[in-house]
Amino acid sequence: MPHQAAVIHDYLYATASVSRADADDVLLEAMEDEGVPAWRRWGMYLAVRAFGGSHYGYAAD
């Protein structure tokens, strides 16, 4: 079963229904709720903050 945090984050990115920063914050909080270890959730969060910009809003076109 895929991590629900990632599915939600991908939907928010695809639709650009919230700001990119808010979508990334949702990812971080959802991973915490899922029990993802801090080192992994912060690594993923920092990666999407640094490299996710080109994917934001890809389905809104």
N, C-alpha and C. Protein backbone atom coordinates (compact mmCIF):
# COMPACT_ATOMS: atom_id res chain seq x y z
N MET A 1 0.85 -1.19 0.00
CA MET A 1 0.00 0.00 0.00
C MET A 1 0.89 1.24 0.00
N PRO A 2 0.65 2.17 -0.91
CA PRO A 2 1.49 3.38 -0.95
C PRO A 2 1.25 4.25 0.28
N HIS A 3 2.25 5.00 0.61
CA HIS A 3 2.10 5.94 1.72
C HIS A 3 1.08 7.00 1.35
N GLN A 4 0.10 7.17 2.18
CA GLN A 4 -0.95 8.15 1.90
C GLN A 4 -0.40 9.56 1.83
N ALA A 5 0.63 9.85 2.61
CA ALA A 5 1.23 11.19 2.59
C ALA A 5 1.72 11.55 1.19
N ALA A 6 2.37 10.60 0.54
CA ALA A 6 2.90 10.86 -0.80
C ALA A 6 1.77 11.03 -1.82
N VAL A 7 0.72 10.25 -1.68
CA VAL A 7 -0.41 10.35 -2.61
C VAL A 7 -1.08 11.72 -2.49
N ILE A 8 -1.29 12.15 -1.26
CA ILE A 8 -1.89 13.47 -1.03
C ILE A 8 -0.99 14.56 -1.59
N HIS A 9 0.30 14.47 -1.30
CA HIS A 9 1.26 15.47 -1.77
C HIS A 9 1.28 15.53 -3.30
N ASP A 10 1.30 14.38 -3.94
CA ASP A 10 1.30 14.35 -5.41
C ASP A 10 0.03 14.98 -5.97
N TYR A 11 -1.10 14.73 -5.34
CA TYR A 11 -2.35 15.34 -5.80
C TYR A 11 -2.28 16.87 -5.66
N LEU A 12 -1.80 17.33 -4.52
CA LEU A 12 -1.69 18.78 -4.30
C LEU A 12 -0.73 19.42 -5.30
N TYR A 13 0.35 18.74 -5.61
CA TYR A 13 1.29 19.26 -6.61
C TYR A 13 0.65 19.28 -8.00
N ALA A 14 -0.02 18.19 -8.35
CA ALA A 14 -0.58 18.08 -9.70
C ALA A 14 -1.64 19.15 -9.95
N THR A 15 -2.48 19.39 -8.96
CA THR A 15 -3.59 20.32 -9.15
C THR A 15 -3.25 21.76 -8.79
N ALA A 16 -2.13 21.95 -8.08
CA ALA A 16 -1.74 23.29 -7.61
C ALA A 16 -2.90 23.95 -6.86
N SER A 17 -3.63 23.14 -6.09
CA SER A 17 -4.80 23.66 -5.36
C SER A 17 -4.41 24.42 -4.10
N VAL A 18 -3.17 24.26 -3.67
CA VAL A 18 -2.59 25.05 -2.57
C VAL A 18 -1.20 25.46 -3.01
N SER A 19 -0.59 26.36 -2.28
CA SER A 19 0.77 26.77 -2.65
C SER A 19 1.72 25.58 -2.53
N ARG A 20 2.83 25.65 -3.23
CA ARG A 20 3.83 24.59 -3.16
C ARG A 20 4.33 24.41 -1.73
N ALA A 21 4.59 25.50 -1.04
CA ALA A 21 5.08 25.42 0.34
C ALA A 21 4.05 24.73 1.23
N ASP A 22 2.77 25.05 1.05
CA ASP A 22 1.72 24.40 1.84
C ASP A 22 1.64 22.91 1.52
N ALA A 23 1.76 22.55 0.26
CA ALA A 23 1.74 21.13 -0.12
C ALA A 23 2.89 20.38 0.54
N ASP A 24 4.05 21.00 0.57
CA ASP A 24 5.21 20.36 1.19
C ASP A 24 5.03 20.25 2.70
N ASP A 25 4.42 21.26 3.31
CA ASP A 25 4.13 21.20 4.74
C ASP A 25 3.12 20.09 5.06
N VAL A 26 2.14 19.89 4.18
CA VAL A 26 1.17 18.80 4.34
C VAL A 26 1.91 17.46 4.29
N LEU A 27 2.84 17.33 3.36
CA LEU A 27 3.62 16.10 3.27
C LEU A 27 4.35 15.82 4.58
N LEU A 28 5.01 16.82 5.10
CA LEU A 28 5.77 16.65 6.34
C LEU A 28 4.86 16.23 7.49
N GLU A 29 3.74 16.91 7.64
CA GLU A 29 2.82 16.59 8.73
C GLU A 29 2.18 15.21 8.55
N ALA A 30 1.81 14.88 7.32
CA ALA A 30 1.18 13.59 7.06
C ALA A 30 2.17 12.44 7.31
N MET A 31 3.43 12.63 6.94
CA MET A 31 4.43 11.60 7.22
C MET A 31 4.60 11.40 8.72
N GLU A 32 4.57 12.49 9.48
CA GLU A 32 4.66 12.37 10.93
C GLU A 32 3.48 11.58 11.47
N ASP A 33 2.27 11.89 10.97
CA ASP A 33 1.07 11.17 11.40
C ASP A 33 1.15 9.68 11.06
N GLU A 34 1.83 9.35 9.95
CA GLU A 34 1.99 7.95 9.55
C GLU A 34 3.07 7.23 10.35
N GLY A 35 3.83 7.98 11.13
CA GLY A 35 4.89 7.36 11.92
C GLY A 35 6.20 7.19 11.20
N VAL A 36 6.40 7.94 10.12
CA VAL A 36 7.67 7.90 9.39
C VAL A 36 8.76 8.48 10.30
N PRO A 37 9.90 7.80 10.41
CA PRO A 37 10.97 8.32 11.27
C PRO A 37 11.40 9.73 10.86
N ALA A 38 11.79 10.52 11.84
CA ALA A 38 12.14 11.92 11.60
C ALA A 38 13.23 12.07 10.54
N TRP A 39 14.25 11.21 10.58
CA TRP A 39 15.34 11.36 9.61
C TRP A 39 14.83 11.15 8.18
N ARG A 40 13.87 10.27 7.97
CA ARG A 40 13.35 10.01 6.63
C ARG A 40 12.40 11.13 6.19
N ARG A 41 11.50 11.54 7.07
CA ARG A 41 10.54 12.58 6.67
C ARG A 41 11.24 13.90 6.40
N TRP A 42 12.24 14.26 7.19
CA TRP A 42 12.96 15.51 6.93
C TRP A 42 13.79 15.41 5.65
N GLY A 43 14.35 14.25 5.39
CA GLY A 43 15.09 14.06 4.13
C GLY A 43 14.18 14.22 2.92
N MET A 44 13.01 13.61 2.99
CA MET A 44 12.05 13.72 1.89
C MET A 44 11.53 15.15 1.75
N TYR A 45 11.24 15.78 2.88
CA TYR A 45 10.76 17.16 2.85
C TYR A 45 11.79 18.08 2.21
N LEU A 46 13.03 17.98 2.64
CA LEU A 46 14.08 18.85 2.09
C LEU A 46 14.30 18.57 0.60
N ALA A 47 14.15 17.32 0.19
CA ALA A 47 14.30 16.98 -1.23
C ALA A 47 13.20 17.61 -2.08
N VAL A 48 11.95 17.53 -1.62
CA VAL A 48 10.88 18.14 -2.42
C VAL A 48 10.97 19.67 -2.40
N ARG A 49 11.45 20.25 -1.30
CA ARG A 49 11.64 21.70 -1.27
C ARG A 49 12.72 22.12 -2.25
N ALA A 50 13.79 21.34 -2.33
CA ALA A 50 14.93 21.70 -3.19
C ALA A 50 14.68 21.38 -4.67
N PHE A 51 14.02 20.28 -4.95
CA PHE A 51 13.96 19.79 -6.33
C PHE A 51 12.55 19.61 -6.90
N GLY A 52 11.51 19.89 -6.13
CA GLY A 52 10.15 19.61 -6.59
C GLY A 52 9.50 20.68 -7.43
N GLY A 53 10.11 21.83 -7.53
CA GLY A 53 9.49 22.96 -8.21
C GLY A 53 9.07 22.70 -9.64
N SER A 54 9.85 21.91 -10.36
CA SER A 54 9.52 21.67 -11.78
C SER A 54 8.29 20.78 -11.94
N HIS A 55 7.87 20.13 -10.88
CA HIS A 55 6.71 19.24 -10.95
C HIS A 55 5.42 19.88 -10.42
N TYR A 56 5.54 21.04 -9.82
CA TYR A 56 4.38 21.68 -9.22
C TYR A 56 3.43 22.18 -10.31
N GLY A 57 2.16 21.81 -10.21
CA GLY A 57 1.14 22.27 -11.15
C GLY A 57 1.15 21.57 -12.49
N TYR A 58 1.75 20.40 -12.58
CA TYR A 58 1.88 19.73 -13.87
C TYR A 58 0.56 19.30 -14.47
N ALA A 59 -0.48 19.11 -13.69
CA ALA A 59 -1.78 18.72 -14.26
C ALA A 59 -2.71 19.90 -14.41
N ALA A 60 -2.29 21.07 -13.99
CA ALA A 60 -3.15 22.25 -14.05
C ALA A 60 -3.13 22.90 -15.43
N ASP A 61 -2.23 22.45 -16.28
CA ASP A 61 -2.11 23.05 -17.63
C ASP A 61 -3.26 22.72 -18.52
